[in-house]
Protein backbone atom coordinates (compact mmCIF):
# COMPACT_ATOMS: atom_id res chain seq x y z
CA MET A 1 0.00 0.00 0.00
CA LEU A 2 2.78 2.45 0.91
CA ASN A 3 4.82 1.76 -2.22
CA ALA A 4 1.72 2.12 -4.37
CA ALA A 5 0.88 5.46 -2.76
CA ILE A 6 4.42 6.75 -3.28
CA GLU A 7 4.56 5.67 -6.92
CA LEU A 8 1.18 7.24 -7.69
CA SER A 9 2.08 10.41 -5.81
CA GLU A 10 5.26 10.82 -7.85
CA LYS A 11 3.35 10.36 -11.10
CA LEU A 12 0.79 12.98 -10.08
CA ILE A 13 3.39 15.52 -8.94
CA ALA A 14 5.21 15.15 -12.27
CA VAL A 15 2.14 16.57 -14.05
CA GLU A 16 2.07 20.38 -14.16
CA SER A 17 -1.67 20.42 -13.55
CA LEU A 18 -2.27 24.11 -12.90
CA THR A 19 -5.82 25.20 -12.20
CA PRO A 20 -7.42 25.89 -15.59
CA THR A 21 -9.32 28.96 -14.34
CA HIS A 22 -6.25 30.63 -12.79
CA PRO A 23 -5.22 33.78 -14.72
CA ASP A 24 -1.55 32.73 -14.70
CA THR A 25 -2.20 29.33 -16.29
CA PRO A 26 -1.01 29.29 -19.93
CA PRO A 27 -3.76 28.13 -22.31
CA GLU A 28 -1.60 25.25 -23.53
CA LYS A 29 -1.42 23.89 -19.96
CA ALA A 30 -5.05 24.47 -19.01
CA GLU A 31 -6.04 20.83 -19.52
CA ASN A 32 -2.97 19.16 -18.00
CA GLY A 33 -5.16 18.07 -15.12
CA LEU A 34 -6.72 15.47 -17.39
CA VAL A 35 -3.31 13.75 -17.57
CA ALA A 36 -3.30 13.46 -13.78
CA LEU A 37 -6.84 12.07 -13.79
CA LYS A 38 -5.77 9.41 -16.30
CA GLU A 39 -3.02 8.35 -13.88
CA LEU A 40 -5.73 7.80 -11.26
CA MET A 41 -7.84 5.84 -13.73
CA ASP A 42 -4.93 3.55 -14.59
CA PHE A 43 -4.27 2.98 -10.89
CA ALA A 44 -7.85 2.11 -9.85
CA GLN A 45 -7.80 -1.55 -10.89
CA HIS A 46 -10.69 -2.55 -8.60
CA ALA A 47 -13.03 0.26 -9.66
CA VAL A 48 -16.37 -0.74 -11.19
CA LEU A 49 -17.02 2.69 -12.73
CA GLN A 50 -14.77 5.51 -13.90
CA GLN A 51 -16.26 8.51 -15.65
CA VAL A 52 -14.72 11.87 -16.50
CA HIS A 53 -17.24 14.70 -16.39
CA VAL A 54 -16.48 17.75 -18.51
CA PHE A 55 -18.02 21.12 -17.73
CA GLU A 56 -17.38 24.35 -19.59
CA GLY A 57 -17.83 27.59 -17.73
CA ASN A 58 -21.03 29.50 -18.40
CA ASP A 59 -19.47 32.57 -16.82
CA ALA A 60 -17.57 35.03 -19.00
CA ASN A 61 -14.87 35.28 -16.33
CA TYR A 62 -14.27 31.51 -16.22
CA PRO A 63 -15.05 29.96 -19.61
CA GLN A 64 -12.40 27.24 -19.33
CA ARG A 65 -13.20 23.56 -19.66
CA VAL A 66 -12.87 21.57 -16.43
CA HIS A 67 -12.46 17.81 -16.00
CA THR A 68 -13.64 15.93 -12.91
CA LEU A 69 -13.30 12.18 -12.34
CA HIS A 70 -16.01 10.10 -10.66
CA THR A 71 -14.83 6.65 -9.56
CA VAL A 72 -16.81 3.92 -7.82
CA TRP A 73 -15.60 0.88 -5.90
CA GLU A 74 -18.08 -1.61 -4.47
CA SER A 75 -18.04 -5.08 -2.97
CA ASN A 76 -19.69 -8.07 -4.58
CA VAL A 77 -21.19 -9.05 -1.23
CA PHE A 78 -24.98 -9.14 -1.50
CA THR A 79 -26.79 -7.26 1.25
CA THR A 80 -29.99 -5.31 1.66
CA SER A 81 -28.05 -2.56 3.43
CA ARG A 82 -24.89 -1.01 2.10
CA VAL A 83 -23.27 2.11 3.46
CA ARG A 84 -22.07 4.59 0.84
CA LEU A 85 -19.05 6.85 1.38
CA LEU A 86 -17.91 9.78 -0.78
CA TYR A 87 -14.30 10.97 -0.96
CA ILE A 88 -13.60 14.42 -2.47
CA GLY A 89 -10.23 15.69 -3.66
CA HIS A 90 -8.40 17.61 -6.38
CA VAL A 91 -5.26 17.28 -8.50
CA ASP A 92 -4.89 20.90 -9.59
CA VAL A 93 -2.19 22.94 -7.88
CA VAL A 94 -1.25 26.58 -7.36
CA PRO A 95 1.55 28.03 -9.53
CA ALA A 96 5.16 27.43 -8.54
CA ASN A 97 8.25 29.44 -9.48
CA PRO A 98 11.15 27.01 -10.09
CA LYS A 99 13.65 29.74 -9.11
CA GLU A 100 12.34 29.60 -5.54
CA TRP A 101 12.75 25.83 -5.23
CA LYS A 102 15.81 23.70 -4.47
CA SER A 103 14.51 21.16 -7.00
CA HIS A 104 12.00 21.62 -9.81
CA PRO A 105 8.45 21.77 -8.39
CA PHE A 106 7.16 19.29 -10.98
CA ASN A 107 10.07 16.88 -10.69
CA PRO A 108 9.24 14.74 -7.62
CA THR A 109 12.42 14.63 -5.55
CA TRP A 110 13.37 12.79 -2.35
CA ARG A 111 15.64 14.48 0.19
CA ASP A 112 16.07 13.46 3.82
CA ASP A 113 13.16 11.00 3.62
CA LYS A 114 10.83 13.72 2.34
CA LEU A 115 9.04 13.96 -1.00
CA TYR A 116 9.34 17.43 -2.55
CA GLY A 117 7.08 18.76 -5.28
CA ARG A 118 4.07 20.97 -5.90
CA GLY A 119 1.06 19.07 -4.61
CA ALA A 120 2.99 16.92 -2.14
CA VAL A 121 0.71 18.31 0.59
CA ASP A 122 -2.15 19.98 -1.28
CA MET A 123 -3.24 17.55 -2.39
CA LYS A 124 -1.79 15.07 -4.85
CA THR A 125 -0.14 12.89 -2.21
CA PRO A 126 -3.30 12.78 -0.04
CA VAL A 127 -5.28 11.69 -3.12
CA ALA A 128 -2.65 9.05 -3.90
CA CYS A 129 -2.83 7.77 -0.31
CA ALA A 130 -6.62 7.60 -0.46
CA TYR A 131 -6.57 5.68 -3.75
CA ALA A 132 -3.91 3.28 -2.43
CA ALA A 133 -5.88 2.68 0.78
CA ILE A 134 -9.14 2.14 -1.13
CA GLU A 135 -7.53 -0.28 -3.59
CA HIS A 136 -5.92 -2.26 -0.76
CA PHE A 137 -9.18 -2.33 1.16
CA CYS A 138 -11.10 -3.52 -1.90
CA ALA A 139 -8.61 -6.31 -2.53
CA HIS A 140 -8.81 -7.72 0.99
CA SER A 141 -12.20 -6.84 2.50
CA SER A 142 -15.18 -9.19 2.72
CA LEU A 143 -17.46 -6.41 4.01
CA PRO A 144 -20.29 -4.87 2.02
CA PHE A 145 -19.16 -1.40 0.95
CA GLU A 146 -19.50 1.27 -1.69
CA ILE A 147 -16.94 4.05 -2.06
CA HIS A 148 -17.20 6.94 -4.49
CA ALA A 149 -14.42 9.41 -5.27
CA VAL A 150 -14.89 12.77 -6.99
CA ILE A 151 -11.53 14.26 -7.98
CA THR A 152 -11.46 17.57 -9.83
CA THR A 153 -8.97 19.73 -11.70
CA ASP A 154 -10.63 22.99 -10.58
CA GLU A 155 -10.39 23.66 -6.84
CA GLU A 156 -7.57 26.10 -6.19
CA TYR A 157 -9.09 29.14 -7.88
CA ALA A 158 -12.66 29.63 -9.11
CA ALA A 159 -13.86 26.12 -8.19
CA LEU A 160 -17.15 26.70 -10.02
CA ASN A 161 -17.11 23.95 -12.65
CA GLY A 162 -15.50 21.05 -10.82
CA VAL A 163 -16.98 19.23 -7.83
CA ASP A 164 -20.23 21.20 -7.60
CA PRO A 165 -21.76 20.28 -10.99
CA VAL A 166 -20.69 16.64 -10.58
CA LEU A 167 -22.39 16.41 -7.18
CA ARG A 168 -25.47 17.98 -8.74
CA THR A 169 -25.40 15.30 -11.43
CA LEU A 170 -25.03 12.47 -8.90
CA LYS A 171 -27.97 13.83 -6.91
CA LYS A 172 -30.12 13.92 -10.04
CA GLN A 173 -29.15 10.30 -10.67
CA GLY A 174 -30.65 9.38 -7.29
CA LEU A 175 -27.42 8.73 -5.40
CA ASN A 176 -27.37 9.29 -1.64
CA PHE A 177 -24.37 9.19 0.68
CA ASP A 178 -23.97 8.37 4.37
CA ALA A 179 -20.79 10.38 4.94
CA VAL A 180 -18.30 12.53 3.03
CA LEU A 181 -14.55 12.71 3.53
CA VAL A 182 -12.64 15.63 2.01
CA GLY A 183 -8.92 14.88 1.79
CA GLU A 184 -7.62 18.41 2.37
CA PRO A 185 -4.60 18.91 4.69
CA SER A 186 -5.73 19.23 8.32
CA ASN A 187 -2.63 18.59 10.46
CA PHE A 188 -3.97 15.07 11.08
CA ASP A 189 -6.86 16.65 12.98
CA ILE A 190 -10.51 16.50 11.91
CA ALA A 191 -12.05 19.57 10.31
CA ILE A 192 -15.78 19.37 10.98
CA GLY A 193 -16.54 22.25 8.65
CA ARG A 194 -14.90 25.35 7.26
CA ARG A 195 -15.53 29.05 7.57
CA GLY A 196 -16.65 30.90 4.48
CA SER A 197 -14.45 33.41 2.67
CA TYR A 198 -15.49 36.78 1.28
CA ASN A 199 -13.07 39.13 -0.52
CA ILE A 200 -14.01 42.81 -0.76
CA LYS A 201 -12.21 45.92 -2.01
CA ALA A 202 -13.00 49.44 -0.80
CA VAL A 203 -12.06 52.18 -3.26
CA VAL A 204 -11.48 55.70 -1.90
CA LYS A 205 -11.34 58.66 -4.29
CA GLY A 206 -10.13 62.04 -3.06
CA LEU A 207 -7.99 64.58 -4.89
CA LYS A 208 -4.34 64.18 -5.81
CA GLY A 209 -2.19 67.23 -5.12
CA HIS A 210 1.15 68.66 -4.05
CA MET A 211 1.74 67.96 -0.37
CA ALA A 212 3.21 71.42 0.20
CA TYR A 213 -0.20 73.01 -0.45
CA ASP A 214 -2.89 71.73 1.92
CA GLU A 215 -5.75 73.20 -0.10
CA SER A 216 -4.67 71.33 -3.25
CA TYR A 217 -5.40 67.77 -2.17
CA ARG A 218 -7.74 65.44 -0.30
CA ASN A 219 -5.66 62.54 1.01
CA ALA A 220 -7.31 59.30 -0.07
CA LEU A 221 -4.68 57.16 1.66
CA LYS A 222 -5.37 58.76 5.05
CA ARG A 223 -9.08 58.06 4.64
CA ALA A 224 -8.31 54.49 3.53
CA ARG A 225 -6.36 53.89 6.73
CA GLN A 226 -9.30 55.19 8.77
CA ILE A 227 -11.62 52.86 6.89
CA ALA A 228 -9.27 49.93 7.53
CA ASP A 229 -9.34 50.67 11.27
CA ALA A 230 -13.15 50.86 11.20
CA LEU A 231 -13.41 47.56 9.36
CA GLU A 232 -11.17 45.79 11.86
CA ALA A 233 -13.34 47.14 14.68
CA ILE A 234 -16.57 45.54 13.39
CA PRO A 235 -17.99 43.45 16.26
CA PHE A 236 -18.80 39.95 15.03
CA GLU A 237 -20.94 37.60 17.09
CA THR A 238 -19.42 34.43 18.48
CA HIS A 239 -20.98 31.21 17.21
CA PRO A 240 -21.12 28.64 20.04
CA ASP A 241 -20.94 25.64 17.68
CA TRP A 242 -17.85 26.77 15.76
CA LYS A 243 -14.26 26.26 16.88
CA ALA A 244 -12.98 29.17 14.74
CA GLN A 245 -14.90 32.45 14.70
CA THR A 246 -15.63 35.20 12.17
CA LYS A 247 -12.63 37.42 11.47
CA LEU A 248 -11.88 40.33 9.12
CA ILE A 249 -8.31 40.75 7.89
CA ILE A 250 -6.87 43.71 5.99
CA ARG A 251 -4.53 42.20 3.44
CA ARG A 252 -3.42 45.20 1.37
CA ILE A 253 -3.69 48.99 1.04
CA ASP A 254 -2.62 50.61 -2.23
CA SER A 255 -2.52 54.19 -3.46
CA ASP A 256 -1.83 56.04 -6.71
CA SER A 257 0.96 58.21 -5.30
CA ASP A 258 3.88 58.01 -7.72
CA SER A 259 6.03 60.86 -6.41
CA THR A 260 7.67 61.83 -3.13
CA SER A 261 5.82 65.15 -3.19
CA VAL A 262 2.34 64.02 -4.27
CA VAL A 263 -0.52 63.14 -1.94
CA PRO A 264 -2.55 60.22 -3.35
CA GLY A 265 -5.98 60.94 -4.75
CA LYS A 266 -7.02 57.30 -4.89
CA ALA A 267 -6.51 54.43 -2.46
CA GLU A 268 -7.77 50.87 -2.25
CA VAL A 269 -8.30 48.70 0.81
CA TYR A 270 -8.33 44.95 0.17
CA PHE A 271 -9.76 42.76 2.91
CA ASN A 272 -11.07 39.27 3.52
CA ILE A 273 -13.74 38.02 5.92
CA ARG A 274 -13.62 34.44 7.18
CA PHE A 275 -17.08 33.82 8.53
CA THR A 276 -19.07 31.22 10.43
CA GLY A 277 -22.46 29.80 9.59
CA ASN A 278 -24.42 32.50 11.40
CA TYR A 279 -23.56 35.01 8.65
CA THR A 280 -24.35 35.24 4.96
CA PRO A 281 -22.30 37.31 2.49
CA GLN A 282 -25.26 39.68 2.17
CA GLN A 283 -25.32 40.30 5.93
CA LEU A 284 -21.57 40.87 6.01
CA LEU A 285 -21.75 43.39 3.18
CA LYS A 286 -24.38 45.38 5.10
CA MET A 287 -22.12 45.40 8.19
CA VAL A 288 -19.22 46.67 6.08
CA GLU A 289 -21.40 49.39 4.56
CA LYS A 290 -22.43 50.53 8.03
CA ALA A 291 -18.82 50.61 9.25
CA ILE A 292 -17.59 52.85 6.43
CA ARG A 293 -20.64 55.14 6.27
CA PRO A 294 -19.16 57.80 8.63
CA TYR A 295 -16.18 58.21 6.29
CA ARG A 296 -18.15 59.12 3.20
CA GLY A 297 -18.43 62.73 2.07
CA LYS A 298 -16.12 65.66 2.80
CA GLY A 299 -14.78 65.48 -0.71
CA MET A 300 -14.29 61.71 -0.60
CA LYS A 301 -16.09 59.08 -2.65
CA ILE A 302 -16.06 55.51 -1.35
CA SER A 303 -17.26 52.45 -3.23
CA LEU A 304 -17.21 48.74 -2.45
CA GLN A 305 -16.31 46.01 -4.91
CA PRO A 306 -17.28 42.65 -3.38
CA SER A 307 -16.29 39.35 -4.93
CA GLN A 308 -18.92 37.87 -7.22
CA TYR A 309 -18.21 34.42 -5.81
CA PRO A 310 -18.03 34.40 -2.00
CA GLN A 311 -17.32 30.94 -0.63
CA VAL A 312 -19.95 29.96 1.90
CA ALA A 313 -19.33 28.43 5.31
CA TYR A 314 -20.48 24.95 6.17
CA ASN A 315 -20.87 22.99 9.38
CA GLY A 316 -19.79 19.42 8.71
CA MET A 317 -21.65 18.03 11.71
CA PRO A 318 -25.13 19.59 11.56
CA GLN A 319 -27.61 18.85 14.30
CA GLY A 320 -28.89 15.29 13.99
CA ALA A 321 -26.00 14.05 11.85
CA SER A 322 -24.67 10.60 12.72
CA ASP A 323 -21.36 10.70 14.58
CA VAL A 324 -20.36 7.16 13.58
CA PHE A 325 -18.03 8.28 10.79
CA VAL A 326 -16.29 10.92 12.90
CA THR A 327 -15.92 8.44 15.75
CA CYS A 328 -14.35 5.85 13.45
CA LEU A 329 -11.97 8.46 12.02
CA ALA A 330 -10.98 9.74 15.47
CA ASN A 331 -10.35 6.18 16.69
CA ALA A 332 -8.22 5.42 13.62
CA ILE A 333 -6.12 8.55 14.20
CA ARG A 334 -5.74 7.70 17.89
CA ARG A 335 -4.75 4.13 17.07
CA HIS A 336 -1.91 5.12 14.73
CA THR A 337 -0.69 8.38 16.30
CA GLY A 338 -1.29 7.71 19.99
CA GLU A 339 -3.19 11.00 20.35
CA TRP A 340 -6.80 12.03 20.03
CA PRO A 341 -7.31 14.52 17.18
CA GLN A 342 -8.80 17.94 17.66
CA GLN A 343 -12.07 18.80 15.96
CA THR A 344 -11.83 22.19 14.29
CA HIS A 345 -13.38 24.61 11.81
CA SER A 346 -10.07 26.30 11.00
CA GLY A 347 -8.28 26.23 7.67
CA GLY A 348 -9.04 27.43 4.17
CA THR A 349 -12.16 26.86 2.15
CA SER A 350 -12.70 23.59 0.31
CA ASP A 351 -15.10 21.76 -1.98
CA GLY A 352 -16.76 20.35 1.12
CA ARG A 353 -18.96 23.45 1.09
CA TYR A 354 -20.91 22.10 -1.88
CA VAL A 355 -22.15 18.86 -0.30
CA GLN A 356 -24.98 19.74 2.04
CA GLN A 357 -27.01 21.68 -0.51
CA TYR A 358 -27.62 18.29 -2.13
CA TRP A 359 -27.53 15.98 0.91
CA PRO A 360 -28.46 18.05 3.97
CA GLY A 361 -27.83 16.52 7.36
CA ILE A 362 -24.99 14.14 6.48
CA PRO A 363 -21.53 14.44 8.09
CA VAL A 364 -18.87 16.15 5.97
CA VAL A 365 -15.40 16.05 7.50
CA GLU A 366 -11.92 16.88 6.27
CA PHE A 367 -8.76 14.99 7.07
CA GLY A 368 -5.23 15.12 5.72
CA PRO A 369 -1.53 15.73 6.46
CA LEU A 370 0.37 18.67 7.95
CA VAL A 371 -0.32 22.02 6.33
CA HIS A 372 2.87 23.95 7.03
CA THR A 373 4.46 23.78 3.53
CA MET A 374 1.34 23.82 1.35
CA HIS A 375 1.42 26.50 -1.39
CA GLN A 376 5.00 27.35 -0.41
CA PRO A 377 8.30 26.86 -2.25
CA ASN A 378 9.80 23.45 -1.46
CA GLU A 379 6.43 21.96 -0.51
CA HIS A 380 7.02 18.48 0.91
CA ILE A 381 5.68 15.56 2.92
CA SER A 382 7.71 13.02 4.88
CA MET A 383 7.77 9.29 4.23
CA PRO A 384 6.44 8.52 7.76
CA HIS A 385 3.48 10.82 7.15
CA ILE A 386 2.67 9.17 3.82
CA ARG A 387 2.66 5.83 5.63
CA LEU A 388 0.58 7.28 8.46
CA LEU A 389 -2.01 8.74 6.11
CA CYS A 390 -2.37 5.44 4.25
CA THR A 391 -2.77 3.37 7.41
CA ILE A 392 -5.25 5.75 9.05
CA LEU A 393 -7.44 5.79 5.94
CA HIS A 394 -7.30 2.01 5.58
CA THR A 395 -8.27 1.55 9.23
CA LEU A 396 -11.08 4.07 8.76
CA PHE A 397 -12.54 2.11 5.86
CA GLU A 398 -12.32 -1.17 7.79
CA THR A 399 -13.95 0.12 10.96
CA TYR A 400 -16.55 2.31 9.31
CA PHE A 401 -17.95 -0.29 6.96
CA GLN A 402 -17.88 -2.86 9.72
CA ALA A 403 -19.53 -0.65 12.33
CA TYR A 404 -22.08 1.25 10.33
CA ASN A 405 -24.67 -0.36 8.09
CA ARG A 406 -28.23 0.79 7.92
CA PRO A 407 -31.07 -0.33 5.64
CA GLY A 408 -32.92 1.69 3.11
CA LYS A 409 -30.07 2.91 0.91
CA ASP A 410 -31.34 3.13 -2.62
CA GLY A 411 -30.04 4.55 -5.87
């Protein structure tokens, strides 16, 4: 199982599968992700179904074609009750500058018992470990089971035409799932949901002028700094069911000053809001409008440019959801690490946010390796952690399908 995971991981890393919707992805490389998906298809010898879904963007901003692979493994054990598990992952990666790396980011390289390459953490190696664990489980298990995997090439940027339309298709086909595992890095803890993410830009327009003459300018940068302070002072409510709370972060302030003697007439404040399930993007935008209202006027024009595609929050363990899957995962982690995992809502957004609109009430959890080098130069994962990820996932499949069967699953 370990050797298979390593070999598959190396093959995936060797593919420069940049996100097709990312503005820095050259057109000739926009469909490289399909090469990575074909590596997965060749590997899945025990699969009973492999289908590549192709969706073209219906949005002028993201017209690119996206490929997403749906794979099914199932036992040949007859039973009136069969639990159905969905695994979600992606093989697209963020851009990497070879000049910042000790070895080429798309040439999988071993140093000091660590595998280096773009996607080693996020998330080609986790996908490889999941596939290796599933294949090994299928080859040796006598339990009734059904495992689905949805692996996309469009997660790191727009994420509009990958997992979401495939899940919509599966729902229309009558498929239902008992639990969903998203293979994103989680520090070997269990993410029981993720906060949403909302990017907004505030544009301040004053009057550019010579700084030696006070009457000649209206300082847009000064007003932008005041707005930034007001935004950071917005009081957000604490959500009792979430481990990580709503937070606004100023990430950049720019101005149009291009001279040592000129006061800027235009400034821009870029900020992001990570938010819990008790807020919607519409509510957050109203709170932002209220916070900046006192700074309008007096020769200043202020406008907001919110993202068209805010990423919503989701709670992976909604009220009434079965805790069997989370319990099995926690026990598997404890068995192989010696420590109980934390349950958290921290971390970036993921495709897990798309699940509960189609299957409300089911558990959606995220589990994967350490996060500390993801998206960075010299991204890497250690050999012991590849082994650990494989064994935890294999134990999870064994204990979950053994412990949890309930009748009435159709489709």
